[in-house]
């Protein structure tokens, strides 16, 4: 949880700065380093892997945080830079990490010099990321220490449902994610358990977030986003939807279905046999006399 910085007797807000010397935080004071600021860059070996890192501010010497003092690393996202302590760290107070937006992966937030890295995680608290964890890792060979945050997300309890006006089977989950990438890109990495159903088409999914509240808020925002709903209502972008085509197909299939039913019903119907007749048998009609025998011919 965040501390109320106004309760401290004094403090400093730091962004893209170099202290130029050692820094000591006395009891009841604080220093708030904004990790969204960009001061410089450096190449560091973290746990045996060498990579380039962004530096948010630099302390040109040692940092001492005395009992009752507070070091804040604020505006933390997956793009945050690290506080570079070009010396040792003496931590008798506390560190707070204020997360603005939960990302993915692991970020490095602070670096200091120490041969045997002391585990300081018991003195570090996280705000706005209940699923995140902190750790201290060493360089290889061990000469520097790094404070890292591992982003872990929780799944929403809210399931987002999106109705797409189109004939079933025309659009799949790949198409759906392409629309998210185009119209709500910040949500692209936070959609999980995506499925599709016919109705004509219904897409369902859950969302990820640092807290359940964040994850639920994202799913709700996606369902209420006017741009996305407009795209789903008219996926062809032609000012019309597939509902007209769907209705036409239904209208065409109705008479075909009725005709098939009539044929089936006719075949199923049993025609009764002609009734037997037991009355007197009638003689055939006599041939008229005119045609009973050949007409006699008179001799010429």
C-alpha atoms as a PDB file:
ATOM      1  CA  UNK A   1       0.000   0.000   0.000  1.00  0.00           C
ATOM      2  CA  UNK A   2       1.106   3.530  -0.686  1.00  0.00           C
ATOM      3  CA  UNK A   3       2.386   5.631   2.165  1.00  0.00           C
ATOM      4  CA  UNK A   4       1.073   9.161   2.572  1.00  0.00           C
ATOM      5  CA  UNK A   5       4.117  11.169   1.594  1.00  0.00           C
ATOM      6  CA  UNK A   6       2.619  14.312   3.107  1.00  0.00           C
ATOM      7  CA  UNK A   7       3.097  12.735   6.534  1.00  0.00           C
ATOM      8  CA  UNK A   8       6.894  12.967   6.179  1.00  0.00           C
ATOM      9  CA  UNK A   9       8.720  16.052   7.336  1.00  0.00           C
ATOM     10  CA  UNK A  10      10.577  16.426   4.055  1.00  0.00           C
ATOM     11  CA  UNK A  11      11.205  14.645   0.789  1.00  0.00           C
ATOM     12  CA  UNK A  12      12.331  14.883  -2.803  1.00  0.00           C
ATOM     13  CA  UNK A  13      10.656  14.103  -6.136  1.00  0.00           C
ATOM     14  CA  UNK A  14      13.344  12.893  -8.552  1.00  0.00           C
ATOM     15  CA  UNK A  15      13.112  12.483 -12.334  1.00  0.00           C
ATOM     16  CA  UNK A  16      16.033  11.920 -14.730  1.00  0.00           C
ATOM     17  CA  UNK A  17      18.622  13.333 -12.343  1.00  0.00           C
ATOM     18  CA  UNK A  18      22.132  12.616 -11.098  1.00  0.00           C
ATOM     19  CA  UNK A  19      22.800  13.167  -7.396  1.00  0.00           C
ATOM     20  CA  UNK A  20      26.498  13.947  -7.996  1.00  0.00           C
ATOM     21  CA  UNK A  21      27.375  12.419  -4.605  1.00  0.00           C
ATOM     22  CA  UNK A  22      26.249  10.015  -1.880  1.00  0.00           C
ATOM     23  CA  UNK A  23      22.613  10.200  -0.791  1.00  0.00           C
ATOM     24  CA  UNK A  24      21.355   9.721   2.756  1.00  0.00           C
ATOM     25  CA  UNK A  25      17.668   9.598   3.649  1.00  0.00           C
ATOM     26  CA  UNK A  26      17.210  10.588   7.290  1.00  0.00           C
ATOM     27  CA  UNK A  27      14.394   9.303   9.471  1.00  0.00           C
ATOM     28  CA  UNK A  28      10.976  10.705   8.510  1.00  0.00           C
ATOM     29  CA  UNK A  29      12.137  11.739   5.035  1.00  0.00           C
ATOM     30  CA  UNK A  30      11.525  10.213   1.623  1.00  0.00           C
ATOM     31  CA  UNK A  31      12.810  10.218  -1.950  1.00  0.00           C
ATOM     32  CA  UNK A  32      10.409   9.418  -4.782  1.00  0.00           C
ATOM     33  CA  UNK A  33      12.106   8.290  -8.004  1.00  0.00           C
ATOM     34  CA  UNK A  34       9.835   8.395 -11.052  1.00  0.00           C
ATOM     35  CA  UNK A  35      10.728   5.294 -13.086  1.00  0.00           C
ATOM     36  CA  UNK A  36       8.990   6.616 -16.207  1.00  0.00           C
ATOM     37  CA  UNK A  37      11.744   9.213 -16.630  1.00  0.00           C
ATOM     38  CA  UNK A  38      14.688   8.501 -18.907  1.00  0.00           C
ATOM     39  CA  UNK A  39      18.117   9.666 -17.811  1.00  0.00           C
ATOM     40  CA  UNK A  40      20.546   7.436 -19.703  1.00  0.00           C
ATOM     41  CA  UNK A  41      21.246   3.817 -20.618  1.00  0.00           C
ATOM     42  CA  UNK A  42      23.709   1.122 -19.552  1.00  0.00           C
ATOM     43  CA  UNK A  43      24.694  -2.443 -20.334  1.00  0.00           C
ATOM     44  CA  UNK A  44      24.441  -4.750 -17.339  1.00  0.00           C
ATOM     45  CA  UNK A  45      24.968  -8.424 -16.615  1.00  0.00           C
ATOM     46  CA  UNK A  46      21.910  -9.692 -14.747  1.00  0.00           C
ATOM     47  CA  UNK A  47      22.010 -13.325 -13.626  1.00  0.00           C
ATOM     48  CA  UNK A  48      24.522 -14.120 -16.357  1.00  0.00           C
ATOM     49  CA  UNK A  49      22.651 -12.401 -19.192  1.00  0.00           C
ATOM     50  CA  UNK A  50      24.012  -9.155 -20.614  1.00  0.00           C
ATOM     51  CA  UNK A  51      21.439  -6.651 -21.898  1.00  0.00           C
ATOM     52  CA  UNK A  52      20.850  -2.937 -22.332  1.00  0.00           C
ATOM     53  CA  UNK A  53      18.840  -1.160 -19.649  1.00  0.00           C
ATOM     54  CA  UNK A  54      17.233   2.241 -19.343  1.00  0.00           C
ATOM     55  CA  UNK A  55      18.314   4.313 -16.342  1.00  0.00           C
ATOM     56  CA  UNK A  56      15.700   6.579 -14.778  1.00  0.00           C
ATOM     57  CA  UNK A  57      18.108   8.420 -12.407  1.00  0.00           C
ATOM     58  CA  UNK A  58      21.586   7.902 -11.007  1.00  0.00           C
ATOM     59  CA  UNK A  59      23.110   8.180  -7.567  1.00  0.00           C
ATOM     60  CA  UNK A  60      26.825   8.881  -7.970  1.00  0.00           C
ATOM     61  CA  UNK A  61      27.902   7.144  -4.796  1.00  0.00           C
ATOM     62  CA  UNK A  62      26.329   5.220  -1.941  1.00  0.00           C
ATOM     63  CA  UNK A  63      22.676   5.261  -0.852  1.00  0.00           C
ATOM     64  CA  UNK A  64      21.760   5.024   2.827  1.00  0.00           C
ATOM     65  CA  UNK A  65      18.113   4.705   3.821  1.00  0.00           C
ATOM     66  CA  UNK A  66      17.949   5.101   7.587  1.00  0.00           C
ATOM     67  CA  UNK A  67      15.284   3.697   9.899  1.00  0.00           C
ATOM     68  CA  UNK A  68      12.011   5.580   9.442  1.00  0.00           C
ATOM     69  CA  UNK A  69      12.967   6.777   5.934  1.00  0.00           C
ATOM     70  CA  UNK A  70      11.294   5.738   2.693  1.00  0.00           C
ATOM     71  CA  UNK A  71      12.573   5.121  -0.827  1.00  0.00           C
ATOM     72  CA  UNK A  72       9.789   5.118  -3.450  1.00  0.00           C
ATOM     73  CA  UNK A  73      10.052   3.761  -6.977  1.00  0.00           C
ATOM     74  CA  UNK A  74       6.919   5.133  -8.647  1.00  0.00           C
ATOM     75  CA  UNK A  75       5.098   5.030 -12.019  1.00  0.00           C
ATOM     76  CA  UNK A  76       6.197   1.436 -12.506  1.00  0.00           C
ATOM     77  CA  UNK A  77       5.195  -0.295 -15.736  1.00  0.00           C
ATOM     78  CA  UNK A  78       6.796  -2.895 -17.956  1.00  0.00           C
ATOM     79  CA  UNK A  79       8.678  -0.017 -19.623  1.00  0.00           C
ATOM     80  CA  UNK A  80      10.163   1.431 -16.405  1.00  0.00           C
ATOM     81  CA  UNK A  81      13.806   2.340 -16.095  1.00  0.00           C
ATOM     82  CA  UNK A  82      16.082   1.434 -13.180  1.00  0.00           C
ATOM     83  CA  UNK A  83      17.555   3.552 -10.410  1.00  0.00           C
ATOM     84  CA  UNK A  84      21.332   3.230 -10.819  1.00  0.00           C
ATOM     85  CA  UNK A  85      23.177   3.371  -7.490  1.00  0.00           C
ATOM     86  CA  UNK A  86      26.829   3.661  -8.458  1.00  0.00           C
ATOM     87  CA  UNK A  87      27.875   2.439  -5.041  1.00  0.00           C
ATOM     88  CA  UNK A  88      26.552   0.466  -2.072  1.00  0.00           C
ATOM     89  CA  UNK A  89      23.074   0.279  -0.556  1.00  0.00           C
ATOM     90  CA  UNK A  90      22.439   0.449   3.171  1.00  0.00           C
ATOM     91  CA  UNK A  91      18.768  -0.193   3.821  1.00  0.00           C
ATOM     92  CA  UNK A  92      17.421   0.226   7.343  1.00  0.00           C
ATOM     93  CA  UNK A  93      14.199   1.911   6.240  1.00  0.00           C
ATOM     94  CA  UNK A  94      11.775   0.706   3.590  1.00  0.00           C
ATOM     95  CA  UNK A  95      11.220   0.650  -0.171  1.00  0.00           C
ATOM     96  CA  UNK A  96       7.809   0.988  -1.817  1.00  0.00           C
ATOM     97  CA  UNK A  97       7.139   0.094  -5.451  1.00  0.00           C
ATOM     98  CA  UNK A  98       4.100   1.891  -6.882  1.00  0.00           C
ATOM     99  CA  UNK A  99       2.779   0.036  -9.916  1.00  0.00           C
ATOM    100  CA  UNK A 100       0.830   2.163 -12.407  1.00  0.00           C
ATOM    101  CA  UNK A 101       0.143  -0.497 -15.011  1.00  0.00           C
ATOM    102  CA  UNK A 102       0.708  -4.217 -14.694  1.00  0.00           C
ATOM    103  CA  UNK A 103       2.711  -5.533 -17.620  1.00  0.00           C
ATOM    104  CA  UNK A 104       4.221  -8.868 -18.498  1.00  0.00           C
ATOM    105  CA  UNK A 105       7.590 -10.423 -17.780  1.00  0.00           C
ATOM    106  CA  UNK A 106      10.304  -9.180 -15.447  1.00  0.00           C
ATOM    107  CA  UNK A 107      11.645  -5.652 -15.028  1.00  0.00           C
ATOM    108  CA  UNK A 108      14.766  -4.389 -13.235  1.00  0.00           C
ATOM    109  CA  UNK A 109      14.092  -1.377 -11.011  1.00  0.00           C
ATOM    110  CA  UNK A 110      17.324  -0.804  -9.087  1.00  0.00           C
ATOM    111  CA  UNK A 111      21.004  -1.660  -9.242  1.00  0.00           C
ATOM    112  CA  UNK A 112      23.718  -1.318  -6.578  1.00  0.00           C
ATOM    113  CA  UNK A 113      27.214  -2.660  -5.899  1.00  0.00           C
ATOM    114  CA  UNK A 114      27.659  -5.549  -3.488  1.00  0.00           C
ATOM    115  CA  UNK A 115      29.654  -8.769  -3.690  1.00  0.00           C
ATOM    116  CA  UNK A 116      27.146 -10.844  -1.698  1.00  0.00           C
ATOM    117  CA  UNK A 117      23.656  -9.651  -2.511  1.00  0.00           C
ATOM    118  CA  UNK A 118      21.567  -9.176   0.619  1.00  0.00           C
ATOM    119  CA  UNK A 119      17.947 -10.241   0.289  1.00  0.00           C
ATOM    120  CA  UNK A 120      16.082  -6.996   0.995  1.00  0.00           C
ATOM    121  CA  UNK A 121      12.658  -8.195  -0.211  1.00  0.00           C
ATOM    122  CA  UNK A 122      11.232  -8.261   3.332  1.00  0.00           C
ATOM    123  CA  UNK A 123      11.657  -4.469   3.380  1.00  0.00           C
ATOM    124  CA  UNK A 124      10.000  -3.969  -0.003  1.00  0.00           C
ATOM    125  CA  UNK A 125       6.243  -3.571  -0.516  1.00  0.00           C
ATOM    126  CA  UNK A 126       4.228  -3.468  -3.746  1.00  0.00           C
ATOM    127  CA  UNK A 127       1.221  -1.284  -4.451  1.00  0.00           C
ATOM    128  CA  UNK A 128      -1.461  -2.079  -7.066  1.00  0.00           C
ATOM    129  CA  UNK A 129      -0.127  -5.497  -8.033  1.00  0.00           C
ATOM    130  CA  UNK A 130      -1.188  -8.241  -5.645  1.00  0.00           C
ATOM    131  CA  UNK A 131       0.047 -10.931  -8.020  1.00  0.00           C
ATOM    132  CA  UNK A 132       3.528  -9.415  -8.566  1.00  0.00           C
ATOM    133  CA  UNK A 133       6.640 -10.603  -6.770  1.00  0.00           C
ATOM    134  CA  UNK A 134       9.999  -8.985  -6.013  1.00  0.00           C
ATOM    135  CA  UNK A 135      13.415 -10.594  -5.977  1.00  0.00           C
ATOM    136  CA  UNK A 136      17.105  -9.759  -5.701  1.00  0.00           C
ATOM    137  CA  UNK A 137      19.421 -11.263  -8.301  1.00  0.00           C
ATOM    138  CA  UNK A 138      23.167 -10.961  -8.741  1.00  0.00           C
ATOM    139  CA  UNK A 139      25.418 -10.385 -11.712  1.00  0.00           C
ATOM    140  CA  UNK A 140      27.772 -13.079 -12.907  1.00  0.00           C
ATOM    141  CA  UNK A 141      30.453 -12.796 -11.586  1.00  0.00           C
ATOM    142  CA  UNK A 142      28.799 -11.483  -8.439  1.00  0.00           C
ATOM    143  CA  UNK A 143      29.659  -7.814  -8.029  1.00  0.00           C
ATOM    144  CA  UNK A 144      26.343  -6.057  -8.577  1.00  0.00           C
ATOM    145  CA  UNK A 145      22.805  -6.644  -7.290  1.00  0.00           C
ATOM    146  CA  UNK A 146      19.478  -5.962  -8.982  1.00  0.00           C
ATOM    147  CA  UNK A 147      16.011  -5.474  -7.540  1.00  0.00           C
ATOM    148  CA  UNK A 148      13.466  -6.968  -9.938  1.00  0.00           C
ATOM    149  CA  UNK A 149       9.700  -7.182 -10.179  1.00  0.00           C
ATOM    150  CA  UNK A 150       8.001 -10.150 -11.825  1.00  0.00           C
ATOM    151  CA  UNK A 151       4.615  -9.275 -13.274  1.00  0.00           C
ATOM    152  CA  UNK A 152       2.018 -11.975 -12.767  1.00  0.00           C
ATOM    153  CA  UNK A 153      -1.594 -11.485 -13.729  1.00  0.00           C
ATOM    154  CA  UNK A 154      -4.834 -12.796 -12.284  1.00  0.00           C
ATOM    155  CA  UNK A 155      -7.880 -13.724 -14.342  1.00  0.00           C
ATOM    156  CA  UNK A 156     -11.072 -11.689 -14.240  1.00  0.00           C
ATOM    157  CA  UNK A 157     -14.274 -13.043 -12.773  1.00  0.00           C
ATOM    158  CA  UNK A 158     -16.163 -11.104 -15.455  1.00  0.00           C
ATOM    159  CA  UNK A 159     -16.499 -12.799 -18.842  1.00  0.00           C
ATOM    160  CA  UNK A 160     -16.694 -10.415 -21.789  1.00  0.00           C
ATOM    161  CA  UNK A 161     -19.249 -11.279 -24.478  1.00  0.00           C
ATOM    162  CA  UNK A 162     -19.175  -9.714 -27.963  1.00  0.00           C
ATOM    163  CA  UNK A 163     -21.869 -10.308 -30.598  1.00  0.00           C
ATOM    164  CA  UNK A 164     -20.661 -10.033 -34.187  1.00  0.00           C
ATOM    165  CA  UNK A 165     -23.318  -9.535 -36.857  1.00  0.00           C
ATOM    166  CA  UNK A 166     -22.146 -12.060 -39.415  1.00  0.00           C
ATOM    167  CA  UNK A 167     -22.947 -15.499 -40.745  1.00  0.00           C
ATOM    168  CA  UNK A 168     -21.518 -18.142 -38.437  1.00  0.00           C
ATOM    169  CA  UNK A 169     -18.069 -19.298 -39.492  1.00  0.00           C
ATOM    170  CA  UNK A 170     -17.175 -16.171 -41.416  1.00  0.00           C
ATOM    171  CA  UNK A 171     -14.919 -14.704 -38.698  1.00  0.00           C
ATOM    172  CA  UNK A 172     -12.680 -16.614 -36.307  1.00  0.00           C
ATOM    173  CA  UNK A 173     -10.696 -15.834 -33.152  1.00  0.00           C
ATOM    174  CA  UNK A 174      -7.710 -14.650 -35.205  1.00  0.00           C
ATOM    175  CA  UNK A 175      -9.933 -12.011 -36.797  1.00  0.00           C
ATOM    176  CA  UNK A 176     -11.238 -11.009 -33.361  1.00  0.00           C
ATOM    177  CA  UNK A 177      -7.733 -10.487 -31.951  1.00  0.00           C
ATOM    178  CA  UNK A 178      -6.808  -8.445 -35.040  1.00  0.00           C
ATOM    179  CA  UNK A 179      -9.668  -6.061 -34.210  1.00  0.00           C
ATOM    180  CA  UNK A 180      -8.433  -5.763 -30.623  1.00  0.00           C
ATOM    181  CA  UNK A 181      -4.918  -5.021 -31.907  1.00  0.00           C
ATOM    182  CA  UNK A 182      -6.272  -2.351 -34.243  1.00  0.00           C
ATOM    183  CA  UNK A 183      -8.802  -0.613 -32.003  1.00  0.00           C
ATOM    184  CA  UNK A 184      -7.797  -1.419 -28.385  1.00  0.00           C
ATOM    185  CA  UNK A 185      -4.107  -2.427 -28.568  1.00  0.00           C
ATOM    186  CA  UNK A 186      -3.394  -2.029 -24.837  1.00  0.00           C
ATOM    187  CA  UNK A 187      -5.725  -4.973 -24.174  1.00  0.00           C
ATOM    188  CA  UNK A 188      -4.149  -7.343 -26.693  1.00  0.00           C
ATOM    189  CA  UNK A 189      -1.832  -9.117 -24.216  1.00  0.00           C
ATOM    190  CA  UNK A 190      -4.505  -9.323 -21.523  1.00  0.00           C
ATOM    191  CA  UNK A 191      -7.198 -11.415 -23.209  1.00  0.00           C
ATOM    192  CA  UNK A 192      -7.386 -15.056 -22.189  1.00  0.00           C
ATOM    193  CA  UNK A 193      -9.634 -18.100 -22.702  1.00  0.00           C
ATOM    194  CA  UNK A 194     -11.029 -16.732 -25.984  1.00  0.00           C
ATOM    195  CA  UNK A 195     -13.762 -18.856 -27.580  1.00  0.00           C
ATOM    196  CA  UNK A 196     -16.312 -18.395 -30.349  1.00  0.00           C
ATOM    197  CA  UNK A 197     -19.848 -19.684 -30.727  1.00  0.00           C
ATOM    198  CA  UNK A 198     -22.564 -19.447 -33.337  1.00  0.00           C
ATOM    199  CA  UNK A 199     -25.346 -17.059 -32.704  1.00  0.00           C
ATOM    200  CA  UNK A 200     -24.653 -16.002 -35.568  1.00  0.00           C
ATOM    201  CA  UNK A 201     -21.200 -15.310 -33.986  1.00  0.00           C
ATOM    202  CA  UNK A 202     -20.458 -14.737 -30.309  1.00  0.00           C
ATOM    203  CA  UNK A 203     -16.921 -14.235 -28.960  1.00  0.00           C
ATOM    204  CA  UNK A 204     -16.325 -14.800 -25.253  1.00  0.00           C
ATOM    205  CA  UNK A 205     -13.178 -14.263 -23.191  1.00  0.00           C
ATOM    206  CA  UNK A 206     -11.767 -13.343 -19.811  1.00  0.00           C
ATOM    207  CA  UNK A 207      -9.195 -10.628 -19.049  1.00  0.00           C
ATOM    208  CA  UNK A 208      -5.898 -10.482 -17.151  1.00  0.00           C
ATOM    209  CA  UNK A 209      -4.776  -7.850 -14.681  1.00  0.00           C
ATOM    210  CA  UNK A 210      -2.577  -7.236 -11.695  1.00  0.00           C
ATOM    211  CA  UNK A 211      -5.672  -7.377  -9.504  1.00  0.00           C
ATOM    212  CA  UNK A 212      -9.097  -8.931 -10.007  1.00  0.00           C
ATOM    213  CA  UNK A 213     -10.590  -5.424 -10.028  1.00  0.00           C
ATOM    214  CA  UNK A 214      -8.231  -4.369 -12.835  1.00  0.00           C
ATOM    215  CA  UNK A 215      -9.010  -7.477 -14.864  1.00  0.00           C
ATOM    216  CA  UNK A 216     -12.756  -7.018 -14.428  1.00  0.00           C
ATOM    217  CA  UNK A 217     -12.496  -3.347 -15.357  1.00  0.00           C
ATOM    218  CA  UNK A 218     -10.708  -4.223 -18.606  1.00  0.00           C
ATOM    219  CA  UNK A 219     -13.356  -6.743 -19.673  1.00  0.00           C
ATOM    220  CA  UNK A 220     -16.096  -4.246 -18.881  1.00  0.00           C
ATOM    221  CA  UNK A 221     -14.312  -1.513 -20.829  1.00  0.00           C
ATOM    222  CA  UNK A 222     -13.950  -3.759 -23.873  1.00  0.00           C
ATOM    223  CA  UNK A 223     -17.655  -4.611 -23.857  1.00  0.00           C
ATOM    224  CA  UNK A 224     -18.572  -0.928 -23.595  1.00  0.00           C
ATOM    225  CA  UNK A 225     -16.063   0.418 -26.117  1.00  0.00           C
ATOM    226  CA  UNK A 226     -18.082   2.236 -28.801  1.00  0.00           C
ATOM    227  CA  UNK A 227     -15.512   1.733 -31.559  1.00  0.00           C
ATOM    228  CA  UNK A 228     -15.266  -2.018 -31.034  1.00  0.00           C
ATOM    229  CA  UNK A 229     -19.037  -2.408 -30.857  1.00  0.00           C
ATOM    230  CA  UNK A 230     -19.393  -0.482 -34.112  1.00  0.00           C
ATOM    231  CA  UNK A 231     -16.875  -2.781 -35.804  1.00  0.00           C
ATOM    232  CA  UNK A 232     -18.636  -5.885 -34.513  1.00  0.00           C
ATOM    233  CA  UNK A 233     -22.015  -4.580 -35.686  1.00  0.00           C
ATOM    234  CA  UNK A 234     -20.657  -3.919 -39.183  1.00  0.00           C
ATOM    235  CA  UNK A 235     -17.579  -6.140 -39.660  1.00  0.00           C
ATOM    236  CA  UNK A 236     -17.514  -5.640 -43.449  1.00  0.00           C
ATOM    237  CA  UNK A 237     -17.322  -1.872 -43.080  1.00  0.00           C
ATOM    238  CA  UNK A 238     -19.833  -1.434 -45.909  1.00  0.00           C
ATOM    239  CA  UNK A 239     -22.491   0.398 -43.950  1.00  0.00           C
ATOM    240  CA  UNK A 240     -24.556  -2.772 -43.814  1.00  0.00           C
ATOM    241  CA  UNK A 241     -24.242  -5.993 -41.940  1.00  0.00           C
ATOM    242  CA  UNK A 242     -24.486  -9.651 -42.723  1.00  0.00           C
ATOM    243  CA  UNK A 243     -27.898  -9.744 -41.062  1.00  0.00           C
ATOM    244  CA  UNK A 244     -29.560  -8.922 -44.391  1.00  0.00           C
ATOM    245  CA  UNK A 245     -27.740 -11.803 -46.066  1.00  0.00           C
ATOM    246  CA  UNK A 246     -28.612 -14.051 -43.202  1.00  0.00           C
ATOM    247  CA  UNK A 247     -32.300 -13.085 -43.467  1.00  0.00           C
ATOM    248  CA  UNK A 248     -32.268 -13.632 -47.248  1.00  0.00           C
ATOM    249  CA  UNK A 249     -30.843 -17.104 -46.797  1.00  0.00           C
ATOM    250  CA  UNK A 250     -33.557 -17.895 -44.289  1.00  0.00           C
ATOM    251  CA  UNK A 251     -36.262 -16.648 -46.677  1.00  0.00           C
ATOM    252  CA  UNK A 252     -34.855 -18.764 -49.496  1.00  0.00           C
ATOM    253  CA  UNK A 253     -34.661 -21.848 -47.337  1.00  0.00           C
ATOM    254  CA  UNK A 254     -38.251 -21.607 -46.047  1.00  0.00           C
ATOM    255  CA  UNK A 255     -40.015 -22.599 -49.326  1.00  0.00           C
ATOM    256  CA  UNK A 256     -37.406 -25.289 -49.976  1.00  0.00           C
ATOM    257  CA  UNK A 257     -38.043 -26.708 -46.556  1.00  0.00           C
ATOM    258  CA  UNK A 258     -41.825 -26.609 -47.025  1.00  0.00           C
ATOM    259  CA  UNK A 259     -41.570 -28.367 -50.394  1.00  0.00           C
ATOM    260  CA  UNK A 260     -39.354 -31.077 -48.912  1.00  0.00           C
ATOM    261  CA  UNK A 261     -41.805 -31.554 -46.069  1.00  0.00           C
ATOM    262  CA  UNK A 262     -44.716 -31.901 -48.501  1.00  0.00           C
ATOM    263  CA  UNK A 263     -42.910 -34.574 -50.535  1.00  0.00           C
ATOM    264  CA  UNK A 264     -41.975 -36.448 -47.394  1.00  0.00           C
ATOM    265  CA  UNK A 265     -45.513 -36.281 -46.048  1.00  0.00           C
ATOM    266  CA  UNK A 266     -46.963 -37.509 -49.369  1.00  0.00           C
ATOM    267  CA  UNK A 267     -44.636 -40.506 -49.427  1.00  0.00           C
ATOM    268  CA  UNK A 268     -45.497 -41.370 -45.888  1.00  0.00           C
ATOM    269  CA  UNK A 269     -49.233 -41.244 -46.533  1.00  0.00           C
ATOM    270  CA  UNK A 270     -50.773 -44.733 -47.259  1.00  0.00           C
ATOM    271  CA  UNK A 271     -53.288 -44.848 -50.130  1.00  0.00           C
ATOM    272  CA  UNK A 272     -56.114 -47.276 -49.168  1.00  0.00           C
ATOM    273  CA  UNK A 273     -56.826 -50.253 -51.450  1.00  0.00           C
ATOM    274  CA  UNK A 274     -59.988 -50.172 -53.633  1.00  0.00           C
ATOM    275  CA  UNK A 275     -62.955 -51.841 -51.859  1.00  0.00           C
ATOM    276  CA  UNK A 276     -63.867 -55.360 -52.954  1.00  0.00           C
ATOM    277  CA  UNK A 277     -67.184 -55.791 -54.869  1.00  0.00           C
ATOM    278  CA  UNK A 278     -69.290 -58.864 -54.210  1.00  0.00           C
ATOM    279  CA  UNK A 279     -72.420 -57.982 -56.254  1.00  0.00           C
ATOM    280  CA  UNK A 280     -73.587 -59.728 -59.477  1.00  0.00           C
ATOM    281  CA  UNK A 281     -71.150 -59.741 -62.287  1.00  0.00           C
ATOM    282  CA  UNK A 282     -72.238 -57.657 -65.252  1.00  0.00           C
ATOM    283  CA  UNK A 283     -71.903 -58.986 -68.759  1.00  0.00           C
ATOM    284  CA  UNK A 284     -69.797 -56.983 -71.074  1.00  0.00           C
ATOM    285  CA  UNK A 285     -71.631 -54.430 -73.099  1.00  0.00           C
ATOM    286  CA  UNK A 286     -72.833 -56.061 -76.379  1.00  0.00           C
ATOM    287  CA  UNK A 287     -71.250 -54.853 -79.546  1.00  0.00           C
ATOM    288  CA  UNK A 288     -73.760 -52.839 -81.555  1.00  0.00           C
ATOM    289  CA  UNK A 289     -75.191 -54.778 -84.519  1.00  0.00           C
ATOM    290  CA  UNK A 290     -73.884 -52.258 -86.901  1.00  0.00           C
ATOM    291  CA  UNK A 291     -70.387 -53.409 -86.071  1.00  0.00           C
ATOM    292  CA  UNK A 292     -71.140 -57.043 -85.221  1.00  0.00           C
ATOM    293  CA  UNK A 293     -70.231 -58.419 -88.601  1.00  0.00           C
ATOM    294  CA  UNK A 294     -68.600 -57.239 -91.752  1.00  0.00           C
ATOM    295  CA  UNK A 295     -70.741 -55.132 -94.010  1.00  0.00           C
ATOM    296  CA  UNK A 296     -71.840 -57.260 -97.040  1.00  0.00           C
ATOM    297  CA  UNK A 297     -70.585 -56.109-100.381  1.00  0.00           C
ATOM    298  CA  UNK A 298     -72.806 -56.101-103.452  1.00  0.00           C
ATOM    299  CA  UNK A 299     -71.390 -57.794-106.581  1.00  0.00           C
ATOM    300  CA  UNK A 300     -70.300 -55.451-109.260  1.00  0.00           C
END
